[in-house]
Amino acid sequence: MPDLIRSRLTQTLGLTNALAAQLTSEQLKRHNGAAPSNSIGAQFWCVVGARESYARAFEAGAWQGFACSLKEPEVPASLQAALAASQAAVLAALDAASQPWDEARQHTLYDLLEHEAQHQGQLIRYFYANSIPFPPDFAKRYAL
């Protein structure tokens, strides 16, 4: 089971990173059309914070609170670096933990996967509302 969860996390986190890789500062400031929403950059800020927070929770075996190191979610280079670093933190936490993982740690990973997938769904709507093309691997994964 650990190999499957790690594989799925690696795939899912990578797909989200790919969404951000092509975005400009202008695009990161955009909202979900006319609907009440935060910006695309703010969506990614939440993703980074969740990754960092869930990695800490996994290491500790219990939720430690939410915190996000990303200070400039609308600066492409800052966002891409934070996404890469937060992905590395999650995978490093998995590698450092002794196995078998207890139930609390497994739930933490499932919660992270769920959170990431929810943001991917939201970001699909944002991308459509702003006519932003999807990266090929992301589009293939979700048949867009």
Protein backbone atom coordinates (compact mmCIF):
# COMPACT_ATOMS: atom_id res chain seq x y z
CA MET A 1 0.00 0.00 0.00
CA PRO A 2 2.77 2.57 0.73
CA ASP A 3 4.09 2.24 -2.82
CA LEU A 4 0.63 2.82 -4.29
CA ILE A 5 -0.04 5.89 -2.14
CA ARG A 6 3.41 7.31 -2.92
CA SER A 7 2.88 6.71 -6.63
CA ARG A 8 -0.54 8.39 -6.62
CA LEU A 9 0.75 11.35 -4.60
CA THR A 10 3.70 11.77 -6.96
CA GLN A 11 1.36 11.73 -9.97
CA THR A 12 -1.23 14.05 -8.47
CA LEU A 13 1.23 16.59 -7.09
CA GLY A 14 3.10 16.59 -10.40
CA LEU A 15 -0.09 17.27 -12.35
CA THR A 16 -0.86 20.27 -10.16
CA ASN A 17 2.70 21.55 -10.57
CA ALA A 18 2.30 21.27 -14.33
CA LEU A 19 -0.77 23.51 -14.20
CA ALA A 20 1.28 26.28 -12.63
CA ALA A 21 4.33 25.84 -14.85
CA GLN A 22 2.83 27.72 -17.77
CA LEU A 23 1.08 30.55 -15.93
CA THR A 24 2.00 34.22 -16.12
CA SER A 25 1.67 36.72 -13.29
CA GLU A 26 -1.35 38.18 -15.06
CA GLN A 27 -3.05 34.78 -15.23
CA LEU A 28 -2.32 34.08 -11.55
CA LYS A 29 -4.28 37.24 -10.67
CA ARG A 30 -7.40 36.11 -12.52
CA HIS A 31 -10.60 34.89 -10.89
CA ASN A 32 -13.19 32.29 -11.87
CA GLY A 33 -14.99 34.44 -14.42
CA ALA A 34 -17.68 36.59 -12.86
CA ALA A 35 -18.36 34.13 -10.04
CA PRO A 36 -17.35 35.12 -6.51
CA SER A 37 -13.89 33.58 -6.13
CA ASN A 38 -10.34 34.11 -5.06
CA SER A 39 -7.52 34.28 -7.61
CA ILE A 40 -5.76 31.42 -9.35
CA GLY A 41 -2.66 32.32 -7.34
CA ALA A 42 -4.66 32.07 -4.12
CA GLN A 43 -5.80 28.60 -5.14
CA PHE A 44 -2.18 27.54 -5.53
CA TRP A 45 -1.28 29.24 -2.21
CA CYS A 46 -3.76 26.92 -0.51
CA VAL A 47 -2.28 23.90 -2.32
CA VAL A 48 1.24 24.76 -1.15
CA GLY A 49 0.07 25.37 2.41
CA ALA A 50 -1.86 22.12 2.50
CA ARG A 51 1.11 20.15 1.22
CA GLU A 52 3.39 21.69 3.82
CA SER A 53 0.82 21.24 6.59
CA TYR A 54 -0.04 17.65 5.70
CA ALA A 55 3.68 16.79 5.47
CA ARG A 56 4.13 18.09 9.03
CA ALA A 57 1.02 16.21 10.18
CA PHE A 58 2.32 13.01 8.61
CA GLU A 59 5.69 13.40 10.34
CA ALA A 60 4.05 14.14 13.72
CA GLY A 61 1.25 11.59 13.39
CA ALA A 62 -1.38 14.27 14.06
CA TRP A 63 -2.56 17.60 12.63
CA GLN A 64 -0.22 20.46 13.57
CA GLY A 65 -2.20 23.34 12.07
CA PHE A 66 -2.16 25.08 8.70
CA ALA A 67 0.70 27.29 7.59
CA CYS A 68 1.98 28.33 4.17
CA SER A 69 5.46 29.55 3.32
CA LEU A 70 4.43 31.00 -0.06
CA LYS A 71 4.39 34.78 0.23
CA GLU A 72 4.01 35.71 -3.44
CA PRO A 73 1.43 33.39 -5.05
CA GLU A 74 1.14 35.65 -8.10
CA VAL A 75 4.85 35.55 -8.93
CA PRO A 76 5.36 32.56 -11.24
CA ALA A 77 8.92 31.71 -10.14
CA SER A 78 7.99 31.89 -6.44
CA LEU A 79 4.92 29.75 -6.99
CA GLN A 80 6.74 27.12 -9.02
CA ALA A 81 9.56 26.92 -6.45
CA ALA A 82 7.06 26.57 -3.58
CA LEU A 83 5.13 23.84 -5.40
CA ALA A 84 8.34 21.90 -6.07
CA ALA A 85 9.56 22.34 -2.50
CA SER A 86 6.23 21.33 -0.99
CA GLN A 87 6.08 18.24 -3.21
CA ALA A 88 9.61 17.34 -2.11
CA ALA A 89 8.62 17.84 1.54
CA VAL A 90 5.68 15.45 1.21
CA LEU A 91 7.76 12.76 -0.48
CA ALA A 92 10.64 13.21 1.99
CA ALA A 93 8.22 12.77 4.90
CA LEU A 94 7.02 9.49 3.38
CA ASP A 95 10.58 8.29 2.84
CA ALA A 96 11.61 9.15 6.42
CA ALA A 97 8.69 7.44 8.14
CA SER A 98 9.00 3.90 9.36
CA GLN A 99 6.50 1.43 8.00
CA PRO A 100 3.88 0.21 8.36
CA TRP A 101 2.25 3.61 8.64
CA ASP A 102 -0.33 3.88 11.38
CA GLU A 103 -3.94 4.66 10.58
CA ALA A 104 -3.60 8.37 11.44
CA ARG A 105 -0.76 8.79 8.94
CA GLN A 106 -2.67 6.92 6.26
CA HIS A 107 -5.68 9.19 6.80
CA THR A 108 -3.40 12.21 6.52
CA LEU A 109 -2.22 11.06 3.10
CA TYR A 110 -5.75 10.37 1.91
CA ASP A 111 -6.80 13.82 3.11
CA LEU A 112 -3.90 15.36 1.17
CA LEU A 113 -4.86 13.47 -1.99
CA GLU A 114 -8.47 14.58 -1.59
CA HIS A 115 -7.45 18.21 -1.03
CA GLU A 116 -5.18 18.21 -4.07
CA ALA A 117 -7.90 16.66 -6.27
CA GLN A 118 -10.46 19.21 -5.09
CA HIS A 119 -8.14 22.05 -6.08
CA GLN A 120 -7.51 20.44 -9.44
CA GLY A 121 -11.27 20.42 -10.03
CA GLN A 122 -11.52 24.05 -9.00
CA LEU A 123 -8.57 25.01 -11.18
CA ILE A 124 -10.18 23.33 -14.18
CA ARG A 125 -13.09 25.76 -13.80
CA TYR A 126 -10.70 28.72 -13.44
CA PHE A 127 -8.74 27.67 -16.53
CA TYR A 128 -11.93 27.30 -18.58
CA ALA A 129 -13.28 30.65 -17.35
CA ASN A 130 -10.05 32.34 -18.43
CA SER A 131 -9.42 30.38 -21.65
CA ILE A 132 -6.11 29.09 -20.30
CA PRO A 133 -4.91 25.94 -22.07
CA PHE A 134 -4.19 22.83 -20.04
CA PRO A 135 -0.80 21.10 -20.07
CA PRO A 136 -1.01 17.94 -22.22
CA ASP A 137 -0.54 15.44 -19.36
CA PHE A 138 -3.17 17.16 -17.23
CA ALA A 139 -5.61 17.31 -20.14
CA LYS A 140 -5.03 13.64 -20.90
CA ARG A 141 -5.49 12.59 -17.26
CA TYR A 142 -8.87 14.33 -17.02
CA ALA A 143 -9.97 13.95 -20.67
CA LEU A 144 -10.18 17.73 -21.19
